[in-house]
Protein backbone atom coordinates (compact mmCIF):
# COMPACT_ATOMS: atom_id res chain seq x y z
CA MET A 1 20.50 7.32 -21.25
CA SER A 2 19.94 7.44 -17.61
CA GLU A 3 20.88 4.66 -15.22
CA ARG A 4 18.72 1.80 -14.55
CA TRP A 5 16.64 2.34 -11.14
CA THR A 6 17.74 0.95 -7.88
CA THR A 7 15.46 -0.71 -5.78
CA ASP A 8 15.38 2.12 -3.25
CA ASP A 9 14.11 4.08 -6.27
CA VAL A 10 11.27 1.34 -6.72
CA TRP A 11 10.22 1.38 -3.08
CA ALA A 12 9.97 5.23 -3.21
CA LEU A 13 7.11 4.71 -5.55
CA ALA A 14 5.10 2.59 -3.21
CA PRO A 15 1.79 4.22 -2.13
CA ASP A 16 2.13 2.79 1.58
CA ALA A 17 4.25 0.53 3.68
CA SER A 18 1.67 -2.42 3.35
CA SER A 19 2.11 -2.37 -0.35
CA ARG A 20 5.89 -2.64 -0.06
CA ARG A 21 5.73 -5.52 2.39
CA ALA A 22 3.32 -7.27 -0.06
CA ALA A 23 5.41 -6.62 -3.13
CA THR A 24 8.66 -8.00 -1.36
CA LYS A 25 6.72 -11.35 -0.90
CA ILE A 26 6.15 -11.85 -4.73
CA ALA A 27 9.49 -9.99 -5.86
CA ARG A 28 10.90 -13.60 -6.74
CA PRO A 29 11.47 -14.91 -10.25
CA THR A 30 9.36 -17.82 -9.65
CA SER A 31 6.64 -15.75 -9.08
CA TRP A 32 6.89 -14.37 -12.69
CA PRO A 33 6.75 -17.26 -15.53
CA ARG A 34 7.44 -14.34 -17.74
CA LEU A 35 9.00 -11.06 -17.50
CA GLY A 36 11.13 -8.60 -19.60
CA TRP A 37 11.95 -5.02 -20.65
CA ARG A 38 11.36 -3.21 -23.81
CA ALA A 39 14.41 -1.17 -25.30
CA ALA A 40 13.67 2.28 -25.63
CA GLU A 41 14.36 4.50 -29.12
CA PRO A 42 17.85 5.44 -29.63
CA GLY A 43 18.68 8.83 -28.08
CA THR A 44 15.68 8.48 -25.48
CA ASP A 45 16.63 9.26 -22.01
CA ALA A 46 15.44 6.11 -20.52
CA PRO A 47 16.37 4.50 -17.34
CA GLY A 48 18.57 1.61 -18.21
CA GLY A 49 17.68 1.96 -21.74
CA ALA A 50 14.23 0.57 -21.01
CA ALA A 51 11.06 2.05 -22.42
CA ALA A 52 8.81 -0.27 -20.41
CA VAL A 53 9.04 -3.13 -18.10
CA TRP A 54 6.40 -5.90 -18.20
CA GLY A 55 5.71 -9.20 -16.55
CA GLU A 56 2.88 -11.89 -15.92
CA CYS A 57 2.68 -12.66 -12.16
CA LYS A 58 1.12 -15.90 -10.81
CA GLY A 59 -2.09 -15.29 -8.87
CA SER A 60 -4.89 -17.02 -7.34
CA GLY A 61 -7.10 -17.54 -10.52
CA ALA A 62 -6.30 -19.37 -13.59
CA LYS A 63 -4.80 -16.22 -15.43
CA PRO A 64 -1.67 -14.56 -14.43
CA TYR A 65 -1.79 -11.05 -13.60
CA GLN A 66 -0.42 -8.58 -16.27
CA ALA A 67 1.57 -5.76 -15.05
CA ALA A 68 3.81 -3.19 -16.54
CA ALA A 69 5.37 0.27 -16.31
CA HIS A 70 5.90 2.85 -18.92
CA LEU A 71 9.21 4.68 -18.02
CA VAL A 72 9.36 7.37 -20.91
CA GLY A 73 7.20 9.81 -22.43
CA PRO A 74 4.51 12.26 -21.39
CA GLY A 75 3.24 11.09 -17.77
CA ALA A 76 6.02 8.66 -17.26
CA PRO A 77 6.07 6.62 -15.01
CA ALA A 78 2.83 4.97 -15.86
CA TYR A 79 1.47 1.69 -14.41
CA ARG A 80 -1.10 -0.86 -15.41
CA CYS A 81 -2.23 -4.02 -13.87
CA SER A 82 -5.14 -6.50 -14.50
CA CYS A 83 -5.17 -7.19 -10.69
CA PRO A 84 -8.36 -5.63 -8.77
CA SER A 85 -6.24 -3.37 -6.48
CA ARG A 86 -7.10 0.33 -6.27
CA LYS A 87 -3.31 1.48 -5.52
CA PHE A 88 -1.12 2.67 -7.94
CA PRO A 89 1.11 1.33 -8.29
CA CYS A 90 0.23 -1.99 -6.83
CA LYS A 91 2.08 -4.83 -5.26
CA HIS A 92 2.58 -6.52 -8.53
CA VAL A 93 4.09 -3.40 -10.60
CA LEU A 94 6.29 -2.59 -7.47
CA ALA A 95 7.54 -6.40 -7.54
CA LEU A 96 8.16 -6.20 -11.32
CA LEU A 97 10.23 -2.99 -11.03
CA SER A 98 12.21 -4.51 -8.27
CA LEU A 99 13.25 -7.49 -10.34
CA TRP A 100 14.27 -5.22 -13.02
CA ALA A 101 16.11 -3.09 -10.82
CA GLU A 102 17.82 -6.17 -9.45
CA GLY A 103 18.86 -7.26 -13.14
CA GLU A 104 16.06 -10.21 -13.30
CA ALA A 105 14.46 -9.15 -16.13
CA ALA A 106 15.93 -9.43 -19.82
CA GLU A 107 15.36 -7.40 -22.75
CA ASP A 108 12.42 -8.89 -24.52
CA ALA A 109 10.02 -6.49 -26.49
CA GLY A 110 6.85 -8.16 -24.73
CA PRO A 111 3.45 -9.43 -25.63
CA ASP A 112 0.54 -8.30 -27.60
CA TRP A 113 -1.40 -6.75 -24.40
CA LEU A 114 1.79 -4.55 -23.88
CA ASP A 115 1.60 -3.16 -27.42
CA GLU A 116 -1.86 -2.60 -26.94
CA TRP A 117 -1.41 -0.41 -23.85
CA LEU A 118 1.41 1.33 -25.03
CA ALA A 119 -0.30 2.12 -28.44
CA LYS A 120 -3.34 3.81 -26.22
CA ARG A 121 -0.91 5.94 -24.25
CA THR A 122 1.09 7.08 -27.46
CA ALA A 123 -2.32 7.76 -29.06
CA LYS A 124 -3.78 9.78 -26.16
CA ALA A 125 -0.30 11.76 -25.89
CA ALA A 126 -0.35 12.50 -29.70
CA ALA A 127 -4.31 13.27 -29.80
CA PRO A 128 -4.45 17.34 -30.48
CA THR A 129 -5.49 19.17 -27.28
CA THR A 130 -6.63 22.79 -26.64
CA PRO A 131 -4.84 24.02 -23.93
CA LYS A 132 -6.26 26.75 -21.87
CA LYS A 133 -4.83 29.99 -22.56
CA ALA A 134 -3.29 31.78 -19.76
CA GLY A 135 -4.90 35.28 -19.73
CA PRO A 136 -6.73 38.04 -18.10
CA PRO A 137 -9.92 37.03 -15.99
CA ALA A 138 -13.18 37.51 -17.94
CA ASP A 139 -13.84 40.47 -15.62
CA PRO A 140 -10.62 41.81 -14.32
CA GLU A 141 -12.45 44.41 -12.25
CA ALA A 142 -14.30 41.87 -10.39
CA ALA A 143 -11.32 39.41 -9.95
CA ALA A 144 -9.13 42.55 -8.62
CA ARG A 145 -12.19 43.26 -6.36
CA ARG A 146 -12.37 39.83 -4.90
CA ALA A 147 -8.72 39.63 -4.37
CA ARG A 148 -8.55 42.76 -2.35
CA GLN A 149 -11.84 41.60 -0.43
CA ARG A 150 -9.95 38.41 0.56
CA GLU A 151 -6.68 40.45 1.77
CA GLU A 152 -8.72 42.87 3.61
CA ARG A 153 -10.84 39.89 5.59
CA VAL A 154 -7.31 38.00 6.02
CA ALA A 155 -5.98 41.69 7.51
CA GLU A 156 -9.13 41.82 10.03
CA GLY A 157 -8.67 38.03 11.24
CA LEU A 158 -4.80 38.87 11.90
CA THR A 159 -5.66 41.90 13.67
CA GLU A 160 -8.09 39.90 16.11
CA PHE A 161 -5.49 37.14 16.27
CA GLN A 162 -2.60 39.59 17.32
CA THR A 163 -4.91 40.68 20.05
CA TRP A 164 -5.71 37.24 21.13
CA LEU A 165 -1.44 36.65 21.41
CA THR A 166 -1.35 39.91 23.44
CA ASP A 167 -3.79 38.28 25.87
CA GLN A 168 -2.14 35.25 26.00
CA ILE A 169 1.16 36.82 27.14
CA GLY A 170 -0.62 39.08 29.48
CA THR A 171 -2.55 36.32 31.53
CA GLY A 172 0.42 33.96 31.30
CA LEU A 173 0.97 30.12 29.76
CA VAL A 174 -0.47 27.98 32.72
CA ASP A 175 -3.90 27.96 31.15
CA SER A 176 -2.66 26.70 27.91
CA ARG A 177 -1.71 23.27 29.08
CA ARG A 178 -4.86 22.97 31.25
CA ARG A 179 -7.28 23.76 28.27
CA GLY A 180 -5.27 21.50 25.71
CA TYR A 181 -6.26 21.35 21.82
CA GLN A 182 -9.68 23.10 22.29
CA LYS A 183 -8.08 26.26 22.97
CA TRP A 184 -6.37 26.28 19.53
CA ASP A 185 -9.10 24.72 17.49
CA THR A 186 -11.40 27.60 18.41
CA VAL A 187 -8.70 30.41 17.35
CA ALA A 188 -8.01 28.08 14.23
CA ALA A 189 -11.47 28.05 13.45
CA ARG A 190 -11.88 31.86 13.44
CA LEU A 191 -8.71 32.23 10.86
CA VAL A 192 -9.99 29.74 8.69
CA ASP A 193 -13.38 31.99 8.55
CA ALA A 194 -10.93 35.07 7.51
CA GLN A 195 -9.53 32.90 5.08
CA ALA A 196 -6.01 32.28 6.38
CA GLY A 197 -5.99 28.58 6.16
CA ARG A 198 -2.36 27.79 6.40
CA LEU A 199 -1.78 30.19 9.68
CA ALA A 200 -5.05 28.25 11.22
CA GLU A 201 -2.84 24.86 10.52
CA ARG A 202 0.08 26.28 12.33
CA VAL A 203 -2.00 27.45 15.29
CA ARG A 204 -3.80 23.87 15.58
CA ALA A 205 -0.04 22.40 15.57
CA LEU A 206 0.27 24.46 19.06
CA SER A 207 -1.54 21.57 20.84
CA GLY A 208 1.50 19.49 20.27
CA VAL A 209 4.02 21.99 21.22
CA ILE A 210 2.58 21.90 25.11
CA THR A 211 3.39 18.11 25.42
CA ALA A 212 7.11 18.84 25.19
CA ALA A 213 9.39 18.90 28.44
CA ASP A 214 10.41 22.65 27.67
CA TRP A 215 6.90 23.62 26.35
CA PRO A 216 7.00 27.14 27.84
CA ASP A 217 10.09 28.08 25.92
CA ARG A 218 8.62 26.27 22.80
CA LEU A 219 5.18 28.17 23.25
CA LEU A 220 6.57 31.54 23.59
CA THR A 221 8.81 30.90 20.59
CA GLU A 222 6.02 30.10 18.65
CA TYR A 223 3.97 33.08 19.86
CA ALA A 224 6.84 35.27 18.45
CA LEU A 225 7.01 33.99 15.26
CA LEU A 226 3.05 34.33 15.08
CA HIS A 227 3.20 37.82 16.17
CA LEU A 228 6.08 38.55 13.43
CA LEU A 229 3.69 37.26 10.56
CA CYS A 230 1.33 39.49 11.81
CA VAL A 231 3.29 42.33 11.78
CA GLY A 232 5.01 41.16 8.36
CA TYR A 233 1.28 40.93 6.71
CA ARG A 234 0.33 44.31 8.10
CA ARG A 235 3.35 45.63 6.32
CA ARG A 236 3.51 43.39 3.53
CA ASP A 237 3.59 46.30 0.82
CA GLU A 238 6.91 47.62 2.45
CA LEU A 239 8.57 44.17 2.42
CA PRO A 240 11.22 43.07 0.04
CA ALA A 241 9.68 40.95 -2.81
CA GLY A 242 10.86 37.54 -1.44
CA LEU A 243 9.82 38.09 2.07
CA GLY A 244 6.63 39.68 1.12
CA ALA A 245 5.86 36.48 -0.87
CA ALA A 246 6.96 34.19 2.15
CA VAL A 247 4.48 36.27 4.37
CA ARG A 248 1.61 35.87 2.04
CA ALA A 249 2.49 32.17 1.38
CA ARG A 250 2.57 31.39 5.32
CA VAL A 251 -0.65 33.00 5.77
CA GLY A 252 -2.31 31.02 3.15
CA LEU A 253 -2.78 33.19 0.42
CA PRO A 254 -2.43 31.63 -3.10
CA LEU A 255 1.17 30.97 -4.23
CA PRO A 256 2.24 33.31 -7.18
CA ASP A 257 3.17 31.52 -10.37
CA PRO A 258 6.72 30.65 -10.91
CA ASP A 259 8.75 33.92 -11.57
CA GLU A 260 11.71 32.42 -13.36
CA THR A 261 13.26 29.21 -14.86
CA VAL A 262 16.48 28.17 -14.13
CA ARG A 263 18.71 25.32 -15.85
CA ASP A 264 21.31 23.73 -13.85
CA HIS A 265 22.86 20.24 -12.96
CA TRP A 266 20.67 19.65 -9.76
CA TYR A 267 22.10 17.38 -6.96
CA VAL A 268 19.32 15.31 -5.59
CA LEU A 269 20.02 15.46 -1.77
CA GLY A 270 17.13 13.46 -0.24
CA ARG A 271 13.66 12.80 0.21
CA HIS A 272 11.26 13.19 3.29
CA ASP A 273 7.71 11.72 3.41
CA PHE A 274 5.48 13.53 5.82
CA ASP A 275 1.52 13.01 7.07
CA ALA A 276 -0.22 16.22 5.50
CA GLY A 277 -3.55 15.35 7.17
CA GLN A 278 -6.91 14.47 6.09
CA ARG A 279 -5.66 11.19 4.59
CA VAL A 280 -3.09 13.09 2.58
CA ARG A 281 0.69 12.15 2.19
CA GLY A 282 3.34 14.76 1.24
CA ARG A 283 6.57 14.22 -0.37
CA ARG A 284 9.40 16.73 -0.41
CA ILE A 285 12.36 16.24 -2.35
CA TRP A 286 15.40 18.67 -2.15
CA LEU A 287 17.79 19.95 -4.88
CA ARG A 288 20.90 21.94 -4.89
CA GLY A 289 22.44 23.43 -8.25
CA ARG A 290 25.77 22.42 -8.96
CA ASP A 291 26.54 25.76 -10.86
CA THR A 292 24.07 28.19 -9.26
CA GLY A 293 24.20 26.92 -5.77
CA ARG A 294 20.41 27.49 -5.52
CA THR A 295 18.22 25.13 -3.40
CA ALA A 296 14.97 24.06 -4.48
CA ALA A 297 12.09 21.83 -3.08
CA LEU A 298 9.80 19.58 -5.22
CA LEU A 299 6.62 19.06 -3.26
CA SER A 300 3.83 16.37 -4.28
CA PHE A 301 0.78 15.37 -2.41
CA ALA A 302 -1.46 12.26 -2.68
CA HIS A 303 -4.47 10.84 -1.27
CA GLY A 304 -5.45 7.63 -0.08
CA GLY A 305 -3.69 4.80 -1.95
CA ARG A 306 -2.19 7.10 -4.74
CA ALA A 307 1.36 7.01 -5.35
CA LEU A 308 3.67 10.09 -4.53
CA ASP A 309 5.41 11.61 -7.57
CA THR A 310 9.23 10.91 -7.78
CA PRO A 311 10.17 13.55 -10.37
CA ALA A 312 14.03 13.28 -9.02
CA ARG A 313 15.67 10.13 -7.77
CA VAL A 314 18.00 10.66 -4.63
CA GLY A 315 21.68 10.26 -5.26
CA THR A 316 21.32 11.53 -8.91
CA LEU A 317 22.50 14.50 -10.76
CA LEU A 318 19.46 15.92 -12.65
CA ASP A 319 20.15 18.22 -15.71
CA ALA A 320 16.95 20.22 -15.81
CA ASP A 321 14.81 23.26 -15.82
CA LEU A 322 13.28 24.32 -12.75
CA ALA A 323 10.44 26.76 -12.78
CA LEU A 324 11.05 28.64 -9.35
CA HIS A 325 8.21 30.11 -7.01
CA PRO A 326 9.13 33.20 -5.42
CA ALA A 327 8.25 31.82 -2.09
CA GLU A 328 9.44 28.95 0.21
CA ASN A 329 11.81 27.67 -2.46
CA ARG A 330 9.16 25.72 -4.44
CA ALA A 331 9.84 24.57 -7.73
CA VAL A 332 8.55 22.21 -10.34
CA VAL A 333 10.39 20.61 -13.21
CA ALA A 334 9.66 22.53 -16.41
CA ALA A 335 12.03 20.46 -18.62
CA ARG A 336 14.19 17.46 -17.76
CA HIS A 337 17.41 16.42 -20.08
CA ALA A 338 19.35 13.94 -18.30
CA GLU A 339 19.63 12.26 -14.85
CA GLN A 340 22.89 10.42 -14.09
CA ARG A 341 24.00 8.89 -10.65
CA VAL A 342 26.96 10.52 -9.05
CA GLY A 343 28.84 10.22 -5.99
CA ALA A 344 28.50 12.68 -2.58
CA PRO A 345 27.75 16.07 -3.15
CA PRO A 346 29.92 18.98 -1.87
CA GLY A 347 29.14 19.53 2.06
CA GLY A 348 30.73 21.56 4.68
CA SER A 349 31.24 21.56 8.42
CA VAL A 350 28.34 22.07 10.95
CA ALA A 351 29.27 25.84 11.37
CA ASP A 352 28.96 26.03 7.36
CA ALA A 353 25.37 24.73 7.78
CA LEU A 354 24.13 26.76 10.60
CA ASP A 355 25.21 29.83 8.52
CA ASP A 356 23.36 28.59 5.56
CA VAL A 357 20.41 27.85 7.93
CA SER A 358 20.63 31.28 9.28
CA ARG A 359 20.47 32.84 5.65
CA ALA A 360 17.47 31.00 4.93
CA LEU A 361 15.75 32.22 8.08
CA ALA A 362 16.77 35.71 7.22
CA ASP A 363 14.67 35.12 4.11
CA ASP A 364 11.75 33.37 5.72
CA PRO A 365 11.85 33.30 9.64
CA TRP A 366 8.73 30.60 9.65
CA ARG A 367 10.85 27.90 7.95
CA ASP A 368 10.92 24.84 10.00
CA VAL A 369 13.07 22.95 7.51
CA TRP A 370 16.11 23.44 5.51
CA PRO A 371 18.62 21.12 3.68
CA VAL A 372 22.04 20.82 4.76
CA VAL A 373 25.07 18.73 3.69
CA LEU A 374 27.85 17.81 6.05
CA ALA A 375 31.23 16.47 4.77
CA ASP A 376 33.44 13.90 6.70
CA ALA A 377 31.21 13.79 9.68
CA VAL A 378 30.94 10.91 12.09
CA VAL A 379 28.10 9.10 13.89
CA ALA A 380 28.17 9.03 17.82
CA HIS A 381 25.81 8.20 20.62
CA ASP A 382 26.30 9.86 23.89
CA ASP A 383 22.88 10.33 25.46
CA GLY A 384 21.33 10.39 22.09
CA TRP A 385 22.73 10.27 18.36
CA TRP A 386 24.58 13.12 17.10
CA ILE A 387 26.58 13.86 14.19
CA VAL A 388 29.88 15.37 14.52
CA ASP A 389 32.35 17.08 12.12
CA PRO A 390 36.13 17.14 12.18
CA SER A 391 36.25 20.32 14.48
CA GLY A 392 33.97 18.49 17.08
CA ASP A 393 30.85 20.53 16.21
CA ALA A 394 28.03 18.60 16.54
CA LEU A 395 24.24 18.44 15.74
CA PRO A 396 21.60 16.04 17.40
CA LEU A 397 20.08 13.81 15.24
CA LEU A 398 16.57 12.77 14.85
CA VAL A 399 16.68 9.13 13.85
CA GLY A 400 15.39 6.76 16.96
CA ASP A 401 16.70 3.40 16.30
CA ALA A 402 17.72 4.26 12.69
CA GLY A 403 20.88 5.59 14.27
CA TRP A 404 22.49 2.16 14.33
CA LYS A 405 21.76 1.94 10.70
CA LEU A 406 23.60 5.14 10.32
CA PHE A 407 26.41 3.87 12.60
CA SER A 408 26.69 0.90 10.52
CA ILE A 409 27.28 2.58 7.19
CA SER A 410 29.66 4.77 8.32
CA GLY A 411 31.60 1.91 10.20
CA GLY A 412 33.15 4.82 12.29
CA ARG A 413 34.39 6.55 9.34
CA GLY A 414 33.66 10.15 8.25
CA LEU A 415 30.70 10.27 5.59
CA THR A 416 28.74 12.81 3.75
CA ALA A 417 25.26 13.20 5.05
CA ALA A 418 22.48 15.43 3.95
CA GLY A 419 19.48 16.06 5.78
CA GLU A 420 16.78 18.51 6.90
CA TRP A 421 17.61 20.78 9.72
CA THR A 422 14.69 21.34 12.11
CA PRO A 423 14.56 23.34 15.42
CA ASP A 424 14.94 19.90 17.18
CA GLY A 425 17.83 18.71 15.38
CA LEU A 426 18.90 17.09 12.19
CA ARG A 427 16.50 14.66 10.22
CA PRO A 428 19.01 12.73 8.30
CA LEU A 429 17.77 11.96 4.82
CA THR A 430 20.62 10.42 2.77
CA VAL A 431 24.29 9.42 3.56
CA TRP A 432 26.89 8.42 0.94
CA ASP A 433 28.90 5.25 1.98
CA ALA A 434 32.58 4.39 1.45
CA ARG A 435 32.07 3.60 -2.27
CA GLY A 436 30.07 7.00 -2.72
CA ARG A 437 26.84 5.02 -3.03
CA ALA A 438 23.80 7.01 -1.96
CA VAL A 439 21.79 5.27 0.84
CA PRO A 440 18.39 6.77 2.00
CA VAL A 441 18.09 6.85 5.73
CA ALA A 442 14.53 7.18 5.96
């Protein structure tokens, strides 16, 4: 049995900030005339022993809203609510789960409408399906020809792009700031035509580089990395397998299927949500194997008001099989066996963290994030926020006003902190307080 969720776990399910704010207003027992949780079958890996959480919330109409969450089984967690909201989970489900996490719901098998919903889910899961068999394409020669044609088109586009890069260095950088984003959009559009879509996104992002105070240095660094990517693609067949896969992924070619499955007890280090553009939000969850030391990233994306997946909860140790892709440390959970809350993961010094980053960059020079864990570090403010290890080495923190939150958690004492290294500094994700409790920073 896994431990009951915390309120931080619940709020991580919110599709947006407004849903969370709305949920906090009704996360009071007085708003719920009926609520409870149904116990899971013995031996089931259910959070807090609950198979489902249910409740009836007062609304503006005569009938209460019927909300429930199914926490075990295929597709879990799953949600239902009789309200008209198009967000999943809605504010009622979030409030319900928050009350359950705080211990406000008692064990209760629940009403008939819960039975009906769970029965439908069970029947759907048990219904025979005809899985699509992975196999060779109907016309292998045509598929190989299309793949070859795409790679040739990408190669032609990158040759043209490399010429453009050389011209930028030859003519100087001053014009880059004057012309603004249109310069990057024009070049990016050509790369899209060449079917190098992900590289095009990176080129569009250059318009943000020129707003920085040290923009000439940053722009030259980006140009160097882009040039390296072009050379790497041209010599992709000569590269080691891992680096070759990274080059193909960074250009925008499809990621190959996972090439290995690894079972380990994975420390869930932290979670970062980001804007992926086009009304799409992304979530990145970092894992590190207790026994293997492997690093993995679970990525999910959601459009509009849909909820992002949270396959692992921060601050837990996840016993699971991960299917690992050969590029970018991306992984998916192939099978989960158990999940339990643990104390802080093993950490090191700033020097240890930077050594780890160096190894990661050697495998993939185009990385702009990598997870690190610092142990016995203190938070300090001196013309900005810093995290300092016992030797006095420090990294700048990308926290803004959240620096005071970090400072209050630490109380001036050393703590364990997990974050994402970036070229601009460390983005803190999770810290562990004096009691060993994981506290998300974001």
